[in-house]
Amino acid sequence: MHSTIDSKVIAELEKDVRYISNMVKQRGREILNHYPITPPQFIALQWLLDSGDLTIGELSKKMYLAFSTTTDLVDRMEKNELIERIRDPKDRRVVRIHLLSKGKDIIDEVIDKRQQYLKDVLNSYSVEEVEILRRSMTQLFEEMKQQEENQKEDKES
């Protein structure tokens, strides 16, 4: 479905999304101040939780970080017992990063606090308004994901 949307509305929407993203990120950083991890470490832990064990190269790509930067990040997380390196049983040359229970517990606690923050913000919304917002955000995310996949396919062909 294609529609003509006023460019002023698009500009306002982009600004709102940018500001919301910044506020959520800032609140997330405030929450992380109470934990022994940095924001990039939290992002790495989330990728490991969502994707399962990853190589440093795979994690680097997902985080858009240099391989050496990701290696340093993994070293610090391993030292803090958040993750461990495991040799791939099928190919001993491959080392995968595995999320440990301490790392998962931190993610769960931080996400719970972030969700509580969002719940507090949405307190004045009706149940229906929250559901409409959720559906709209999901639709926006799915459209963005589809465009990313299409662009990736176009680059590969």
Protein backbone atom coordinates (compact mmCIF):
# COMPACT_ATOMS: atom_id res chain seq x y z
CA MET A 1 0.00 0.00 0.00
CA HIS A 2 1.48 3.31 -1.10
CA SER A 3 0.18 6.63 0.10
CA THR A 4 1.26 10.21 -0.21
CA ILE A 5 2.34 11.35 3.22
CA ASP A 6 3.10 14.98 3.85
CA SER A 7 6.88 15.54 4.14
CA LYS A 8 6.27 17.72 7.20
CA VAL A 9 4.56 14.78 8.94
CA ILE A 10 7.50 12.51 7.99
CA ALA A 11 9.95 15.08 9.40
CA GLU A 12 8.01 15.28 12.67
CA LEU A 13 7.77 11.49 12.90
CA GLU A 14 11.51 11.07 12.28
CA LYS A 15 12.25 13.65 14.96
CA ASP A 16 9.91 11.93 17.45
CA VAL A 17 11.48 8.52 16.77
CA ARG A 18 14.97 10.01 17.18
CA TYR A 19 14.06 11.70 20.47
CA ILE A 20 12.29 8.60 21.81
CA SER A 21 15.27 6.44 20.88
CA ASN A 22 17.63 8.85 22.63
CA MET A 23 15.48 8.95 25.78
CA VAL A 24 15.22 5.15 25.96
CA LYS A 25 18.97 4.84 25.38
CA GLN A 26 19.67 7.40 28.11
CA ARG A 27 17.37 5.64 30.59
CA GLY A 28 19.01 2.36 29.68
CA ARG A 29 22.44 3.82 30.45
CA GLU A 30 21.20 5.11 33.81
CA ILE A 31 19.95 1.61 34.65
CA LEU A 32 23.26 0.08 33.53
CA ASN A 33 25.14 2.35 35.96
CA HIS A 34 24.02 -0.06 38.70
CA TYR A 35 25.61 -3.06 36.94
CA PRO A 36 29.24 -4.03 36.25
CA ILE A 37 28.89 -3.68 32.46
CA THR A 38 29.12 -0.96 29.84
CA PRO A 39 26.45 -0.19 27.23
CA PRO A 40 28.43 -1.95 24.44
CA GLN A 41 28.81 -5.02 26.66
CA PHE A 42 25.06 -5.00 27.27
CA ILE A 43 24.42 -4.87 23.53
CA ALA A 44 26.84 -7.77 22.99
CA LEU A 45 25.10 -9.80 25.70
CA GLN A 46 21.73 -9.11 24.06
CA TRP A 47 23.04 -10.34 20.69
CA LEU A 48 24.30 -13.52 22.35
CA LEU A 49 20.97 -14.04 24.09
CA ASP A 50 19.01 -13.46 20.87
CA SER A 51 21.31 -15.30 18.44
CA GLY A 52 22.94 -17.97 20.56
CA ASP A 53 26.68 -18.60 20.52
CA LEU A 54 28.54 -16.41 18.03
CA THR A 55 32.11 -16.10 16.82
CA ILE A 56 33.88 -12.80 17.47
CA GLY A 57 33.60 -12.05 13.75
CA GLU A 58 29.84 -12.60 13.77
CA LEU A 59 29.43 -10.46 16.88
CA SER A 60 31.62 -7.73 15.32
CA LYS A 61 29.36 -7.57 12.26
CA LYS A 62 26.17 -7.43 14.32
CA MET A 63 27.55 -4.62 16.50
CA TYR A 64 29.26 -2.75 13.63
CA LEU A 65 32.54 -2.81 15.55
CA ALA A 66 36.09 -3.59 14.49
CA PHE A 67 37.23 -7.14 15.20
CA SER A 68 39.90 -5.87 17.62
CA THR A 69 37.36 -3.75 19.53
CA THR A 70 35.04 -6.74 19.85
CA THR A 71 37.93 -8.92 21.05
CA ASP A 72 38.68 -6.39 23.82
CA LEU A 73 34.99 -6.29 24.73
CA VAL A 74 34.83 -10.10 24.90
CA ASP A 75 38.03 -10.22 26.99
CA ARG A 76 36.49 -7.91 29.61
CA MET A 77 33.19 -9.80 29.65
CA GLU A 78 35.01 -13.11 30.03
CA LYS A 79 37.06 -11.69 32.91
CA ASN A 80 33.77 -10.64 34.60
CA GLU A 81 32.35 -14.15 34.04
CA LEU A 82 29.50 -12.93 31.81
CA ILE A 83 30.55 -15.07 28.84
CA GLU A 84 32.97 -17.84 28.02
CA ARG A 85 34.87 -18.85 24.91
CA ILE A 86 34.07 -22.36 23.70
CA ARG A 87 35.81 -24.26 20.91
CA ASP A 88 33.43 -25.51 18.24
CA PRO A 89 33.34 -29.33 18.52
CA LYS A 90 32.99 -29.63 14.71
CA ASP A 91 35.94 -27.35 13.97
CA ARG A 92 38.44 -26.79 16.79
CA ARG A 93 39.80 -23.68 15.02
CA VAL A 94 36.46 -21.92 15.56
CA VAL A 95 35.86 -20.26 18.93
CA ARG A 96 32.33 -19.30 19.90
CA ILE A 97 31.25 -16.84 22.57
CA HIS A 98 28.75 -18.39 24.99
CA LEU A 99 26.51 -16.40 27.35
CA LEU A 100 26.83 -17.49 30.99
CA SER A 101 24.05 -17.34 33.57
CA LYS A 102 25.52 -14.22 35.24
CA GLY A 103 25.32 -12.40 31.90
CA LYS A 104 21.77 -13.61 31.26
CA ASP A 105 20.69 -12.55 34.76
CA ILE A 106 21.98 -9.02 34.15
CA ILE A 107 20.13 -8.80 30.83
CA ASP A 108 16.91 -10.04 32.44
CA GLU A 109 17.15 -7.52 35.29
CA VAL A 110 17.99 -4.57 33.05
CA ILE A 111 15.26 -5.42 30.51
CA ASP A 112 12.77 -5.79 33.37
CA LYS A 113 13.68 -2.28 34.62
CA ARG A 114 13.46 -0.85 31.11
CA GLN A 115 10.03 -2.42 30.67
CA GLN A 116 8.93 -0.98 34.00
CA TYR A 117 10.07 2.46 32.81
CA LEU A 118 8.00 2.09 29.64
CA LYS A 119 5.01 0.87 31.64
CA ASP A 120 5.28 3.96 33.86
CA VAL A 121 5.47 6.24 30.82
CA LEU A 122 2.42 4.57 29.24
CA ASN A 123 0.42 4.71 32.47
CA SER A 124 -1.92 7.43 31.15
CA TYR A 125 -2.68 5.46 27.96
CA SER A 126 -5.72 3.23 27.66
CA VAL A 127 -5.24 -0.49 26.99
CA GLU A 128 -6.51 0.11 23.44
CA GLU A 129 -4.06 2.97 22.85
CA VAL A 130 -1.16 0.83 24.02
CA GLU A 131 -2.24 -2.00 21.71
CA ILE A 132 -2.55 0.38 18.73
CA LEU A 133 0.92 1.77 19.50
CA ARG A 134 2.36 -1.75 19.79
CA ARG A 135 0.83 -2.83 16.48
CA SER A 136 2.05 0.33 14.74
CA MET A 137 5.58 -0.06 16.12
CA THR A 138 5.63 -3.73 15.09
CA GLN A 139 4.44 -2.82 11.60
CA LEU A 140 7.09 -0.09 11.31
CA PHE A 141 9.79 -2.51 12.47
CA GLU A 142 8.67 -5.21 10.02
CA GLU A 143 8.68 -2.72 7.13
CA MET A 144 12.16 -1.50 8.06
CA LYS A 145 13.43 -5.08 8.37
CA GLN A 146 11.96 -5.95 4.95
CA GLN A 147 13.66 -2.93 3.36
CA GLU A 148 16.98 -3.96 4.93
CA GLU A 149 16.61 -7.47 3.50
CA ASN A 150 15.69 -6.09 0.06
CA GLN A 151 18.73 -3.80 0.06
CA LYS A 152 20.97 -6.69 1.11
CA GLU A 153 19.60 -8.81 -1.76
CA ASP A 154 20.10 -5.95 -4.24
CA LYS A 155 23.75 -5.59 -3.18
CA GLU A 156 24.34 -9.32 -3.56
CA SER A 157 22.88 -9.51 -7.07
